[in-house]
Amino acid sequence: MEQPLLDSDSVQESSRTLASQERSSGIAHSHSTGDLLENGSGLLQRASEISASDRENHSNVNHGTVEIKDNSDSRMLLISFVCMIFVGLGNKLFQVFQSIPMHNYPFFLSVLSTFIYIPTSFTYIWLFPSHISDEERTIPKRTFAVMGFLDALSGIMLTIAINFVTKRTLVILLQQTAIPISMLISRVSLGTKYNVFQYSGAFVVIFGLLVVLAPSGDSQDSEDGYNAKSELLWMTLLVLSNVPTCLSSVYKEKALGELDINVVYLNGWVALYQFV
C-alpha cells in the first residue's frame, strides 16, 4: 500500500516548527546558564565579603590580644619596680639593724650573709638543671672567682664601716655614692656615654651628700665617746666599699658580654668563691 507523499507546504511547516522548538530550547538553556552564572557570581562575591570580614575580625582580635599583653607587661613591670624598692630598702635597713647586736663581730656577719646564698642557689641549680644552658655551664670558673674576690672585699669593707658609723641615717645615703662611682668606672673601662639627665642625677646625689655631711666636718668630740675624725674615717671607708662592687659589675658586663646568664647560677658560683 503506497504512503501518501508530503507536499512542500507541509515540509516547510514542519521545518519551521522544529526550528522554533530549537530556538525556544536554546533560549531556555541560555536563560538557565545565565541564571547559574549570576548566582555563582553572587555566591563568590558573598564569600569574598565574608572572608574580608573574617580577616578584619581576626586582625582586630590579634590587635586586641597585643594590647592586652602590653598592658599586662606594663602592669607587671610596675609591680616589680615597686617590690624592688621595698626589698632594696629592707635590705639596707637590716644591714644596719644586724650590726647593733653583732657590733663586735662584723667579719662574721659578712661571712654569714655570703654563706646563705650557697645552699639556696645550688639547691635551685640541682632541682632545675634544665634552666641552666650548656653555654652558661662552659663559663670559666675563674671569671666567677674574680667576681667573688671583688664582692668579698666590698662586703668586708661595708660591714665593718656600717658597724662603726654612729649616725645610722647616713649609711643609706652614703651607699648612694655607688651611682656616680659606677658611672665613672664604666666611662673609663667600657667607654660608656651618658646623657645630660644621667649626669644631672649623679650631680644631685653628690650635692645632697655634701649638704648632709657638711655639718659633720665641724663636729667636735663629745664626752659620750663620739669621735668626729673617726666617724669621718668610717664614712670614707663606707664610700670606698662601693668601688669593688662597681668594679665587679663592670667586670661582669665585660666578661660575660651579651650572654643572658641565669641570675641564680651566677649568684651561686660568685657566693661560693666569695665565701672561700
Protein backbone atom coordinates (compact mmCIF):
# COMPACT_ATOMS: atom_id res chain seq x y z
CA MET A 1 0.00 0.00 0.00
CA GLU A 2 1.53 3.27 -1.05
CA GLN A 3 2.09 6.03 1.57
CA PRO A 4 0.85 9.47 0.70
CA LEU A 5 3.53 11.91 -0.33
CA LEU A 6 4.10 15.06 1.76
CA ASP A 7 3.67 18.27 -0.14
CA SER A 8 6.15 21.09 0.03
CA ASP A 9 3.96 23.24 2.28
CA SER A 10 3.80 20.52 4.91
CA VAL A 11 7.54 20.07 4.82
CA GLN A 12 8.21 23.78 5.26
CA GLU A 13 5.70 23.97 8.10
CA SER A 14 7.40 21.09 9.88
CA SER A 15 10.79 22.71 9.43
CA ARG A 16 9.56 26.00 10.88
CA THR A 17 8.06 24.12 13.84
CA LEU A 18 11.32 22.29 14.58
CA ALA A 19 13.36 25.48 14.24
CA SER A 20 11.00 27.28 16.62
CA GLN A 21 11.32 24.46 19.14
CA GLU A 22 15.11 24.53 18.88
CA ARG A 23 15.18 28.32 19.39
CA SER A 24 12.89 28.01 22.41
CA SER A 25 15.10 25.27 23.82
CA GLY A 26 18.25 27.36 23.21
CA ILE A 27 16.73 30.45 24.80
CA ALA A 28 15.67 28.41 27.85
CA HIS A 29 19.11 26.87 28.04
CA SER A 30 20.80 30.26 27.78
CA HIS A 31 18.48 31.66 30.45
CA SER A 32 19.32 28.72 32.74
CA THR A 33 23.06 29.14 32.14
CA GLY A 34 22.83 32.87 32.73
CA ASP A 35 20.97 32.34 35.99
CA LEU A 36 23.60 29.87 37.12
CA LEU A 37 26.41 32.25 36.26
CA GLU A 38 24.66 35.11 38.01
CA ASN A 39 24.01 33.00 41.09
CA GLY A 40 27.61 31.76 41.11
CA SER A 41 28.95 35.29 40.83
CA GLY A 42 26.73 36.37 43.71
CA LEU A 43 27.95 33.49 45.83
CA LEU A 44 31.58 34.31 45.07
CA GLN A 45 31.03 37.96 45.96
CA ARG A 46 29.30 36.97 49.20
CA ALA A 47 32.14 34.57 50.07
CA SER A 48 34.67 37.31 49.38
CA GLU A 49 32.79 39.70 51.67
CA ILE A 50 32.63 37.08 54.42
CA SER A 51 36.35 36.31 54.02
CA ALA A 52 37.24 40.03 54.23
CA SER A 53 35.03 40.38 57.30
CA ASP A 54 36.70 37.38 58.92
CA ARG A 55 40.15 38.79 58.20
CA GLU A 56 39.15 42.12 59.71
CA ASN A 57 37.73 40.43 62.80
CA HIS A 58 40.85 38.27 63.12
CA SER A 59 43.06 41.35 62.80
CA ASN A 60 41.01 43.13 65.47
CA VAL A 61 41.31 40.11 67.76
CA ASN A 62 45.09 39.96 67.27
CA HIS A 63 45.39 43.71 67.86
CA GLY A 64 43.31 43.41 71.00
CA THR A 65 45.45 40.49 72.20
CA VAL A 66 48.64 42.51 71.67
CA GLU A 67 47.18 45.47 73.58
CA ILE A 68 46.15 43.20 76.47
CA LYS A 69 49.64 41.64 76.55
CA ASP A 70 51.33 45.07 76.51
CA ASN A 71 49.10 46.28 79.34
CA SER A 72 49.84 43.13 81.33
CA ASP A 73 53.61 43.54 80.80
CA SER A 74 53.46 47.19 81.85
CA ARG A 75 51.50 46.28 84.96
CA MET A 76 53.98 43.54 85.90
CA LEU A 77 56.90 45.91 85.32
CA LEU A 78 55.35 48.49 87.63
CA ILE A 79 54.65 45.87 90.32
CA SER A 80 58.21 44.53 90.05
CA PHE A 81 59.61 48.06 90.33
CA VAL A 82 57.60 48.79 93.49
CA CYS A 83 58.61 45.44 95.01
CA MET A 84 62.28 46.13 94.29
CA ILE A 85 62.02 49.47 96.08
CA PHE A 86 60.64 47.85 99.24
CA VAL A 87 63.03 44.89 99.11
CA GLY A 88 66.04 47.16 98.50
CA LEU A 89 65.03 49.44 101.33
CA GLY A 90 64.53 46.49 103.65
CA ASN A 91 67.94 45.13 102.70
CA LYS A 92 69.65 48.41 103.60
CA LEU A 93 67.74 48.75 106.87
CA PHE A 94 68.51 45.20 108.01
CA GLN A 95 72.18 45.76 107.22
CA VAL A 96 72.09 48.48 109.84
CA PHE A 97 69.91 46.59 112.34
CA GLN A 98 72.03 43.43 112.29
CA SER A 99 75.15 45.37 113.26
CA ILE A 100 73.61 46.56 116.55
CA PRO A 101 73.58 43.25 118.46
CA MET A 102 76.61 41.94 116.49
CA HIS A 103 78.72 45.03 117.00
CA ASN A 104 81.85 43.05 117.87
CA TYR A 105 81.52 40.52 115.04
CA PRO A 106 81.47 42.41 111.72
CA PHE A 107 83.59 39.84 109.87
CA PHE A 108 81.28 37.02 110.97
CA LEU A 109 78.28 38.98 109.66
CA SER A 110 79.96 39.39 106.28
CA VAL A 111 80.76 35.67 106.03
CA LEU A 112 77.29 34.62 107.21
CA SER A 113 75.45 36.85 104.72
CA THR A 114 77.56 35.35 101.94
CA PHE A 115 77.14 31.73 103.06
CA ILE A 116 73.33 31.94 102.90
CA TYR A 117 73.48 32.26 99.11
CA ILE A 118 75.39 29.00 98.62
CA PRO A 119 72.86 26.31 99.73
CA THR A 120 69.85 28.22 98.40
CA SER A 121 71.40 28.87 94.96
CA PHE A 122 72.84 25.39 94.44
CA THR A 123 69.60 23.77 95.59
CA TYR A 124 67.86 25.63 92.77
CA ILE A 125 70.59 24.57 90.31
CA TRP A 126 70.24 20.93 91.43
CA LEU A 127 66.43 20.90 91.27
CA PHE A 128 66.12 22.76 87.95
CA PRO A 129 69.13 21.82 85.81
CA SER A 130 67.17 22.46 82.62
CA HIS A 131 67.10 26.18 83.46
CA ILE A 132 70.88 26.34 83.02
CA SER A 133 72.06 26.22 79.41
CA ASP A 134 75.20 24.45 78.20
CA GLU A 135 76.67 27.82 77.23
CA GLU A 136 76.31 29.05 80.81
CA ARG A 137 77.99 25.91 82.17
CA THR A 138 81.03 26.47 79.96
CA ILE A 139 81.83 29.86 81.51
CA PRO A 140 85.33 29.65 83.05
CA LYS A 141 85.15 29.41 86.83
CA ARG A 142 87.99 31.92 87.16
CA THR A 143 85.50 34.53 85.96
CA PHE A 144 83.31 33.79 88.96
CA ALA A 145 86.41 33.79 91.18
CA VAL A 146 87.31 37.36 90.19
CA MET A 147 83.76 38.50 90.85
CA GLY A 148 83.74 36.68 94.20
CA PHE A 149 87.00 38.34 95.28
CA LEU A 150 85.73 41.84 94.47
CA ASP A 151 82.37 41.21 96.16
CA ALA A 152 84.10 39.75 99.23
CA LEU A 153 86.34 42.80 99.54
CA SER A 154 83.34 45.10 99.21
CA GLY A 155 81.31 43.10 101.74
CA ILE A 156 84.04 43.19 104.39
CA MET A 157 84.61 46.93 103.97
CA LEU A 158 80.88 47.63 104.05
CA THR A 159 80.13 45.51 107.11
CA ILE A 160 82.98 46.97 109.15
CA ALA A 161 82.14 50.55 108.14
CA ILE A 162 78.43 50.16 108.95
CA ASN A 163 79.37 48.73 112.30
CA PHE A 164 81.27 51.88 113.34
CA VAL A 165 79.25 54.67 111.72
CA THR A 166 77.26 56.04 114.63
CA LYS A 167 74.88 58.13 112.53
CA ARG A 168 72.77 55.33 111.11
CA THR A 169 70.75 57.57 108.85
CA LEU A 170 73.88 58.37 106.85
CA VAL A 171 74.50 54.74 105.93
CA ILE A 172 71.81 54.57 103.23
CA LEU A 173 72.76 57.99 101.88
CA LEU A 174 76.46 57.15 101.68
CA GLN A 175 75.73 53.94 99.78
CA GLN A 176 74.14 56.03 97.02
CA THR A 177 77.64 57.11 96.01
CA ALA A 178 77.68 53.86 94.04
CA ILE A 179 75.79 55.75 91.30
CA PRO A 180 78.49 58.33 90.38
CA ILE A 181 81.27 55.82 91.09
CA SER A 182 79.79 53.22 88.72
CA MET A 183 79.30 55.90 86.06
CA LEU A 184 82.93 56.93 86.35
CA ILE A 185 84.28 53.37 86.21
CA SER A 186 82.03 52.47 83.26
CA ARG A 187 83.11 55.60 81.41
CA VAL A 188 86.81 54.78 81.88
CA SER A 189 86.66 50.99 81.42
CA LEU A 190 83.88 50.49 78.87
CA GLY A 191 83.67 53.92 77.26
CA THR A 192 80.02 54.20 78.22
CA LYS A 193 78.41 57.51 77.30
CA TYR A 194 75.75 59.18 79.42
CA ASN A 195 73.26 61.91 78.64
CA VAL A 196 72.65 65.18 80.45
CA PHE A 197 69.89 63.76 82.64
CA GLN A 198 72.12 60.95 83.91
CA TYR A 199 74.93 63.34 84.73
CA SER A 200 72.41 65.59 86.45
CA GLY A 201 71.20 62.68 88.59
CA ALA A 202 74.75 61.85 89.66
CA PHE A 203 75.37 65.52 90.49
CA VAL A 204 72.23 65.62 92.64
CA VAL A 205 73.47 62.58 94.60
CA ILE A 206 76.89 64.13 95.22
CA PHE A 207 75.49 67.54 96.11
CA GLY A 208 72.97 66.00 98.53
CA LEU A 209 75.70 64.04 100.29
CA LEU A 210 77.85 67.14 100.64
CA VAL A 211 74.95 69.03 102.16
CA VAL A 212 74.31 66.23 104.67
CA LEU A 213 77.99 65.71 105.53
CA ALA A 214 78.93 69.39 105.83
CA PRO A 215 77.82 69.68 109.49
CA SER A 216 79.82 66.55 110.36
CA GLY A 217 83.07 68.29 109.41
CA ASP A 218 82.55 70.92 112.09
CA SER A 219 81.53 68.43 114.79
CA GLN A 220 83.62 68.20 117.91
CA ASP A 221 84.42 65.21 120.03
CA SER A 222 81.89 64.63 122.77
CA GLU A 223 82.02 63.08 126.21
CA ASP A 224 79.82 60.15 125.19
CA GLY A 225 82.62 58.70 123.05
CA TYR A 226 81.80 60.34 119.72
CA ASN A 227 84.95 61.00 117.71
CA ALA A 228 84.46 63.24 114.68
CA LYS A 229 87.68 62.18 112.93
CA SER A 230 86.96 58.51 113.47
CA GLU A 231 83.43 58.99 112.19
CA LEU A 232 84.74 60.63 109.03
CA LEU A 233 87.19 57.76 108.54
CA TRP A 234 84.47 55.11 108.68
CA MET A 235 82.24 57.16 106.37
CA THR A 236 85.08 57.29 103.86
CA LEU A 237 85.54 53.52 104.13
CA LEU A 238 81.81 53.07 103.55
CA VAL A 239 82.01 55.14 100.37
CA LEU A 240 85.11 53.29 99.18
CA SER A 241 83.34 49.95 99.68
CA ASN A 242 81.31 50.81 96.59
CA VAL A 243 84.43 50.74 94.41
CA PRO A 244 84.92 46.93 94.43
CA THR A 245 81.19 46.48 93.91
CA CYS A 246 81.20 48.71 90.84
CA LEU A 247 84.37 47.05 89.55
CA SER A 248 82.66 43.67 89.91
CA SER A 249 79.62 44.90 87.97
CA VAL A 250 81.78 46.31 85.18
CA TYR A 251 83.82 43.10 85.06
CA LYS A 252 80.63 41.05 84.76
CA GLU A 253 79.49 43.17 81.85
CA LYS A 254 82.87 42.94 80.14
CA ALA A 255 83.50 39.23 80.77
CA LEU A 256 80.02 37.91 80.04
CA GLY A 257 79.17 40.32 77.23
CA GLU A 258 75.72 39.73 75.75
CA LEU A 259 75.31 36.31 77.39
CA ASP A 260 71.96 36.07 79.17
CA ILE A 261 73.07 34.12 82.23
CA ASN A 262 70.76 32.72 84.88
CA VAL A 263 70.92 35.01 87.93
CA VAL A 264 70.72 32.18 90.48
CA TYR A 265 73.51 30.26 88.73
CA LEU A 266 75.66 33.40 88.71
CA ASN A 267 74.99 34.25 92.36
CA GLY A 268 75.65 30.68 93.47
CA TRP A 269 79.14 30.43 91.98
CA VAL A 270 80.10 34.01 92.91
CA ALA A 271 78.96 33.44 96.51
CA LEU A 272 80.95 30.20 96.66
CA TYR A 273 84.20 31.90 95.70
CA GLN A 274 83.32 34.92 97.81
CA PHE A 275 82.87 32.68 100.85
CA VAL A 276 86.18 30.86 100.20
